[in-house]
């Protein structure tokens, strides 16, 4: 296997399964899509890494169909979802083991309860790009998530960011139920 580690700074997260593995597959995996503008620094890094590992793996020749089976895709492929369109690209990355998740300082671990990783957040993605021969799938290029670091908040995609503690209503006892409907939604 030919591989290269890359760092993609200020990329947007979509469909993150980084705290718990996605279980709708035969082999549960931690995964996410990382979205960035076409022609951006992240796009150039990905293209260069893919070209390098593919050429190294197959002696300078890119096998027919190998790039089509790569985790680097045009945003148009997912344009039915918020945050994807003809102006961007995305990388589909996964790992069998949970990636390291850190806050902006690079030291503080992130947990799911903290709410810092959500669809739409901008992160630094630490990935490994690998060119491999697989049984049944042939020659392809895969992306593996090594770590994800919070970079900055973004506009939440889809269902949005979880509610903050201050957004919940307080109830004294069951007698307050008549006023409950007058809170955030009433």
C-alpha atoms as a PDB file:
ATOM      1  CA  UNK A   1       0.000   0.000   0.000  1.00  0.00           C
ATOM      2  CA  UNK A   2       1.262   3.443  -0.909  1.00  0.00           C
ATOM      3  CA  UNK A   3       0.146   6.226   1.433  1.00  0.00           C
ATOM      4  CA  UNK A   4       0.691   9.871   2.358  1.00  0.00           C
ATOM      5  CA  UNK A   5      -0.452  11.933   5.337  1.00  0.00           C
ATOM      6  CA  UNK A   6      -2.125  15.263   4.555  1.00  0.00           C
ATOM      7  CA  UNK A   7      -3.588  18.152   6.558  1.00  0.00           C
ATOM      8  CA  UNK A   8      -6.628  20.046   5.248  1.00  0.00           C
ATOM      9  CA  UNK A   9      -7.153  23.341   7.083  1.00  0.00           C
ATOM     10  CA  UNK A  10     -10.492  25.171   7.334  1.00  0.00           C
ATOM     11  CA  UNK A  11     -12.648  22.503   5.660  1.00  0.00           C
ATOM     12  CA  UNK A  12     -16.328  22.001   6.403  1.00  0.00           C
ATOM     13  CA  UNK A  13     -17.717  18.859   8.019  1.00  0.00           C
ATOM     14  CA  UNK A  14     -20.794  17.111   6.671  1.00  0.00           C
ATOM     15  CA  UNK A  15     -22.410  13.842   7.778  1.00  0.00           C
ATOM     16  CA  UNK A  16     -20.003  13.376  10.716  1.00  0.00           C
ATOM     17  CA  UNK A  17     -19.874  10.033  12.530  1.00  0.00           C
ATOM     18  CA  UNK A  18     -16.772  10.814  14.568  1.00  0.00           C
ATOM     19  CA  UNK A  19     -17.811  10.014  18.152  1.00  0.00           C
ATOM     20  CA  UNK A  20     -19.689   6.799  17.437  1.00  0.00           C
ATOM     21  CA  UNK A  21     -19.176   4.523  14.418  1.00  0.00           C
ATOM     22  CA  UNK A  22     -21.789   4.450  11.700  1.00  0.00           C
ATOM     23  CA  UNK A  23     -23.479   1.098  12.158  1.00  0.00           C
ATOM     24  CA  UNK A  24     -25.457   0.817   8.929  1.00  0.00           C
ATOM     25  CA  UNK A  25     -22.537  -0.939   7.246  1.00  0.00           C
ATOM     26  CA  UNK A  26     -21.268  -4.523   7.482  1.00  0.00           C
ATOM     27  CA  UNK A  27     -18.154  -3.148   9.220  1.00  0.00           C
ATOM     28  CA  UNK A  28     -18.925  -0.173  11.508  1.00  0.00           C
ATOM     29  CA  UNK A  29     -16.671   2.816  10.811  1.00  0.00           C
ATOM     30  CA  UNK A  30     -16.084   6.351  11.958  1.00  0.00           C
ATOM     31  CA  UNK A  31     -16.542   8.614   8.948  1.00  0.00           C
ATOM     32  CA  UNK A  32     -17.223  12.085   7.647  1.00  0.00           C
ATOM     33  CA  UNK A  33     -17.244  14.163   4.497  1.00  0.00           C
ATOM     34  CA  UNK A  34     -14.890  17.143   4.366  1.00  0.00           C
ATOM     35  CA  UNK A  35     -16.061  19.900   1.987  1.00  0.00           C
ATOM     36  CA  UNK A  36     -13.916  22.633   0.412  1.00  0.00           C
ATOM     37  CA  UNK A  37     -13.960  25.017  -2.566  1.00  0.00           C
ATOM     38  CA  UNK A  38     -12.754  23.874  -5.971  1.00  0.00           C
ATOM     39  CA  UNK A  39      -9.262  25.203  -6.607  1.00  0.00           C
ATOM     40  CA  UNK A  40      -8.669  25.959  -2.903  1.00  0.00           C
ATOM     41  CA  UNK A  41      -5.499  25.032  -1.038  1.00  0.00           C
ATOM     42  CA  UNK A  42      -7.264  21.934   0.351  1.00  0.00           C
ATOM     43  CA  UNK A  43      -8.290  20.872  -3.166  1.00  0.00           C
ATOM     44  CA  UNK A  44      -4.702  21.260  -4.430  1.00  0.00           C
ATOM     45  CA  UNK A  45      -3.329  19.255  -1.481  1.00  0.00           C
ATOM     46  CA  UNK A  46      -5.785  16.423  -2.129  1.00  0.00           C
ATOM     47  CA  UNK A  47      -5.118  16.334  -5.876  1.00  0.00           C
ATOM     48  CA  UNK A  48      -1.347  16.287  -5.366  1.00  0.00           C
ATOM     49  CA  UNK A  49      -1.519  13.543  -2.710  1.00  0.00           C
ATOM     50  CA  UNK A  50      -3.787  11.351  -4.835  1.00  0.00           C
ATOM     51  CA  UNK A  51      -1.515  11.738  -7.875  1.00  0.00           C
ATOM     52  CA  UNK A  52       1.568  10.932  -5.753  1.00  0.00           C
ATOM     53  CA  UNK A  53       0.250   7.771  -4.086  1.00  0.00           C
ATOM     54  CA  UNK A  54      -1.397   6.441  -7.244  1.00  0.00           C
ATOM     55  CA  UNK A  55       1.761   6.915  -9.320  1.00  0.00           C
ATOM     56  CA  UNK A  56       3.952   5.447  -6.567  1.00  0.00           C
ATOM     57  CA  UNK A  57       1.702   2.403  -6.138  1.00  0.00           C
ATOM     58  CA  UNK A  58       1.419   1.569  -9.831  1.00  0.00           C
ATOM     59  CA  UNK A  59       4.896   2.572 -11.073  1.00  0.00           C
ATOM     60  CA  UNK A  60       3.979   5.934 -12.531  1.00  0.00           C
ATOM     61  CA  UNK A  61       0.918   4.666 -14.387  1.00  0.00           C
ATOM     62  CA  UNK A  62      -2.598   5.508 -13.284  1.00  0.00           C
ATOM     63  CA  UNK A  63      -4.764   2.416 -13.817  1.00  0.00           C
ATOM     64  CA  UNK A  64      -8.008   2.844 -15.729  1.00  0.00           C
ATOM     65  CA  UNK A  65     -10.808   3.524 -13.264  1.00  0.00           C
ATOM     66  CA  UNK A  66      -8.549   4.000 -10.208  1.00  0.00           C
ATOM     67  CA  UNK A  67      -9.351   7.708  -9.888  1.00  0.00           C
ATOM     68  CA  UNK A  68     -13.058   7.044 -10.346  1.00  0.00           C
ATOM     69  CA  UNK A  69     -12.848   4.887  -7.200  1.00  0.00           C
ATOM     70  CA  UNK A  70     -11.219   7.662  -5.207  1.00  0.00           C
ATOM     71  CA  UNK A  71     -12.751   9.392  -2.173  1.00  0.00           C
ATOM     72  CA  UNK A  72     -12.266  12.844  -3.789  1.00  0.00           C
ATOM     73  CA  UNK A  73     -15.551  13.933  -5.402  1.00  0.00           C
ATOM     74  CA  UNK A  74     -17.253  16.876  -7.085  1.00  0.00           C
ATOM     75  CA  UNK A  75     -19.844  18.564  -4.853  1.00  0.00           C
ATOM     76  CA  UNK A  76     -22.405  18.182  -7.648  1.00  0.00           C
ATOM     77  CA  UNK A  77     -22.634  14.470  -6.728  1.00  0.00           C
ATOM     78  CA  UNK A  78     -24.353  15.464  -3.483  1.00  0.00           C
ATOM     79  CA  UNK A  79     -26.059  18.659  -4.630  1.00  0.00           C
ATOM     80  CA  UNK A  80     -29.362  17.394  -3.231  1.00  0.00           C
ATOM     81  CA  UNK A  81     -27.886  18.070   0.231  1.00  0.00           C
ATOM     82  CA  UNK A  82     -27.295  21.436   1.864  1.00  0.00           C
ATOM     83  CA  UNK A  83     -23.692  22.638   1.562  1.00  0.00           C
ATOM     84  CA  UNK A  84     -22.879  20.813  -1.687  1.00  0.00           C
ATOM     85  CA  UNK A  85     -22.902  22.338  -5.187  1.00  0.00           C
ATOM     86  CA  UNK A  86     -20.853  22.886  -8.348  1.00  0.00           C
ATOM     87  CA  UNK A  87     -18.464  25.252  -6.527  1.00  0.00           C
ATOM     88  CA  UNK A  88     -17.019  22.677  -4.154  1.00  0.00           C
ATOM     89  CA  UNK A  89     -15.353  19.300  -3.790  1.00  0.00           C
ATOM     90  CA  UNK A  90     -15.406  16.848  -0.916  1.00  0.00           C
ATOM     91  CA  UNK A  91     -13.382  13.995   0.506  1.00  0.00           C
ATOM     92  CA  UNK A  92     -15.130  10.956   1.933  1.00  0.00           C
ATOM     93  CA  UNK A  93     -12.928   9.568   4.713  1.00  0.00           C
ATOM     94  CA  UNK A  94     -13.313   6.841   7.326  1.00  0.00           C
ATOM     95  CA  UNK A  95     -11.466   4.727   9.845  1.00  0.00           C
ATOM     96  CA  UNK A  96     -12.173   1.527  11.779  1.00  0.00           C
ATOM     97  CA  UNK A  97     -10.823   3.168  14.924  1.00  0.00           C
ATOM     98  CA  UNK A  98     -12.050   6.418  16.445  1.00  0.00           C
ATOM     99  CA  UNK A  99      -9.959   9.375  15.247  1.00  0.00           C
ATOM    100  CA  UNK A 100      -8.383  11.811  17.704  1.00  0.00           C
ATOM    101  CA  UNK A 101     -10.699  14.799  18.175  1.00  0.00           C
ATOM    102  CA  UNK A 102      -9.148  17.999  19.532  1.00  0.00           C
ATOM    103  CA  UNK A 103     -10.157  21.578  20.212  1.00  0.00           C
ATOM    104  CA  UNK A 104      -8.541  24.563  18.500  1.00  0.00           C
ATOM    105  CA  UNK A 105      -5.581  24.506  20.920  1.00  0.00           C
ATOM    106  CA  UNK A 106      -4.596  21.055  19.607  1.00  0.00           C
ATOM    107  CA  UNK A 107      -4.486  19.566  23.113  1.00  0.00           C
ATOM    108  CA  UNK A 108      -7.967  19.603  24.641  1.00  0.00           C
ATOM    109  CA  UNK A 109      -9.932  16.453  23.706  1.00  0.00           C
ATOM    110  CA  UNK A 110     -13.429  16.948  22.312  1.00  0.00           C
ATOM    111  CA  UNK A 111     -16.396  14.881  23.372  1.00  0.00           C
ATOM    112  CA  UNK A 112     -19.828  14.572  21.856  1.00  0.00           C
ATOM    113  CA  UNK A 113     -21.527  16.432  24.727  1.00  0.00           C
ATOM    114  CA  UNK A 114     -19.435  19.549  24.030  1.00  0.00           C
ATOM    115  CA  UNK A 115     -21.205  20.054  20.686  1.00  0.00           C
ATOM    116  CA  UNK A 116     -18.142  21.420  18.872  1.00  0.00           C
ATOM    117  CA  UNK A 117     -18.256  18.898  16.017  1.00  0.00           C
ATOM    118  CA  UNK A 118     -21.497  19.178  14.032  1.00  0.00           C
ATOM    119  CA  UNK A 119     -22.552  19.318  10.369  1.00  0.00           C
ATOM    120  CA  UNK A 120     -21.319  22.696   9.096  1.00  0.00           C
ATOM    121  CA  UNK A 121     -18.405  23.277  11.496  1.00  0.00           C
ATOM    122  CA  UNK A 122     -14.992  24.117  10.005  1.00  0.00           C
ATOM    123  CA  UNK A 123     -12.111  21.877  11.048  1.00  0.00           C
ATOM    124  CA  UNK A 124      -8.552  20.862  10.354  1.00  0.00           C
ATOM    125  CA  UNK A 125      -8.722  17.311   8.974  1.00  0.00           C
ATOM    126  CA  UNK A 126      -5.694  15.056   9.419  1.00  0.00           C
ATOM    127  CA  UNK A 127      -5.999  12.319   6.794  1.00  0.00           C
ATOM    128  CA  UNK A 128      -4.026   9.503   5.226  1.00  0.00           C
ATOM    129  CA  UNK A 129      -4.447   8.956   1.482  1.00  0.00           C
ATOM    130  CA  UNK A 130      -3.752   5.405   0.309  1.00  0.00           C
ATOM    131  CA  UNK A 131      -3.646   3.690  -3.081  1.00  0.00           C
ATOM    132  CA  UNK A 132      -4.634   0.032  -2.706  1.00  0.00           C
ATOM    133  CA  UNK A 133      -5.624  -3.113  -4.568  1.00  0.00           C
ATOM    134  CA  UNK A 134      -8.750  -4.628  -3.039  1.00  0.00           C
ATOM    135  CA  UNK A 135     -10.491  -7.926  -3.550  1.00  0.00           C
ATOM    136  CA  UNK A 136     -13.717  -7.270  -5.385  1.00  0.00           C
ATOM    137  CA  UNK A 137     -13.200  -3.516  -5.785  1.00  0.00           C
ATOM    138  CA  UNK A 138      -9.961  -3.393  -7.760  1.00  0.00           C
ATOM    139  CA  UNK A 139      -7.479  -0.537  -7.745  1.00  0.00           C
ATOM    140  CA  UNK A 140      -8.579   2.511  -5.807  1.00  0.00           C
ATOM    141  CA  UNK A 141      -7.557   5.410  -3.612  1.00  0.00           C
ATOM    142  CA  UNK A 142      -8.978   5.731  -0.066  1.00  0.00           C
ATOM    143  CA  UNK A 143      -8.924   8.435   2.603  1.00  0.00           C
ATOM    144  CA  UNK A 144      -8.566   7.545   6.291  1.00  0.00           C
ATOM    145  CA  UNK A 145      -9.339   9.937   9.168  1.00  0.00           C
ATOM    146  CA  UNK A 146      -6.460  10.197  11.647  1.00  0.00           C
ATOM    147  CA  UNK A 147      -7.690  13.239  13.538  1.00  0.00           C
ATOM    148  CA  UNK A 148     -10.076  16.184  13.451  1.00  0.00           C
ATOM    149  CA  UNK A 149      -9.433  19.537  15.117  1.00  0.00           C
ATOM    150  CA  UNK A 150     -12.058  22.230  15.681  1.00  0.00           C
ATOM    151  CA  UNK A 151     -11.108  25.342  13.658  1.00  0.00           C
ATOM    152  CA  UNK A 152     -14.144  27.654  13.703  1.00  0.00           C
ATOM    153  CA  UNK A 153     -17.924  27.583  13.932  1.00  0.00           C
ATOM    154  CA  UNK A 154     -19.950  27.497  10.751  1.00  0.00           C
ATOM    155  CA  UNK A 155     -23.587  27.735   9.773  1.00  0.00           C
ATOM    156  CA  UNK A 156     -25.130  24.406  10.843  1.00  0.00           C
ATOM    157  CA  UNK A 157     -26.216  22.119   8.003  1.00  0.00           C
ATOM    158  CA  UNK A 158     -29.412  20.088   8.118  1.00  0.00           C
ATOM    159  CA  UNK A 159     -30.802  19.627  11.604  1.00  0.00           C
ATOM    160  CA  UNK A 160     -28.254  22.056  13.023  1.00  0.00           C
ATOM    161  CA  UNK A 161     -26.248  22.366  16.184  1.00  0.00           C
ATOM    162  CA  UNK A 162     -27.655  20.934  19.440  1.00  0.00           C
ATOM    163  CA  UNK A 163     -29.379  23.378  21.800  1.00  0.00           C
ATOM    164  CA  UNK A 164     -27.298  25.132  24.456  1.00  0.00           C
ATOM    165  CA  UNK A 165     -28.193  24.593  28.126  1.00  0.00           C
ATOM    166  CA  UNK A 166     -29.553  28.155  28.369  1.00  0.00           C
ATOM    167  CA  UNK A 167     -32.176  27.434  25.689  1.00  0.00           C
ATOM    168  CA  UNK A 168     -34.056  24.886  27.806  1.00  0.00           C
ATOM    169  CA  UNK A 169     -36.999  25.871  30.009  1.00  0.00           C
ATOM    170  CA  UNK A 170     -36.925  25.178  33.744  1.00  0.00           C
ATOM    171  CA  UNK A 171     -39.878  23.391  35.399  1.00  0.00           C
ATOM    172  CA  UNK A 172     -40.458  23.605  39.123  1.00  0.00           C
ATOM    173  CA  UNK A 173     -42.954  20.738  39.369  1.00  0.00           C
ATOM    174  CA  UNK A 174     -45.749  19.078  37.410  1.00  0.00           C
ATOM    175  CA  UNK A 175     -48.061  22.008  38.152  1.00  0.00           C
ATOM    176  CA  UNK A 176     -46.052  24.144  35.692  1.00  0.00           C
ATOM    177  CA  UNK A 177     -47.223  22.120  32.690  1.00  0.00           C
ATOM    178  CA  UNK A 178     -49.774  24.763  31.636  1.00  0.00           C
ATOM    179  CA  UNK A 179     -47.028  27.355  31.211  1.00  0.00           C
ATOM    180  CA  UNK A 180     -44.652  24.908  29.498  1.00  0.00           C
ATOM    181  CA  UNK A 181     -46.138  25.592  26.082  1.00  0.00           C
ATOM    182  CA  UNK A 182     -45.298  29.287  26.451  1.00  0.00           C
ATOM    183  CA  UNK A 183     -41.537  28.728  26.256  1.00  0.00           C
ATOM    184  CA  UNK A 184     -39.301  28.610  23.229  1.00  0.00           C
ATOM    185  CA  UNK A 185     -41.857  27.106  20.838  1.00  0.00           C
ATOM    186  CA  UNK A 186     -45.122  28.542  22.159  1.00  0.00           C
END
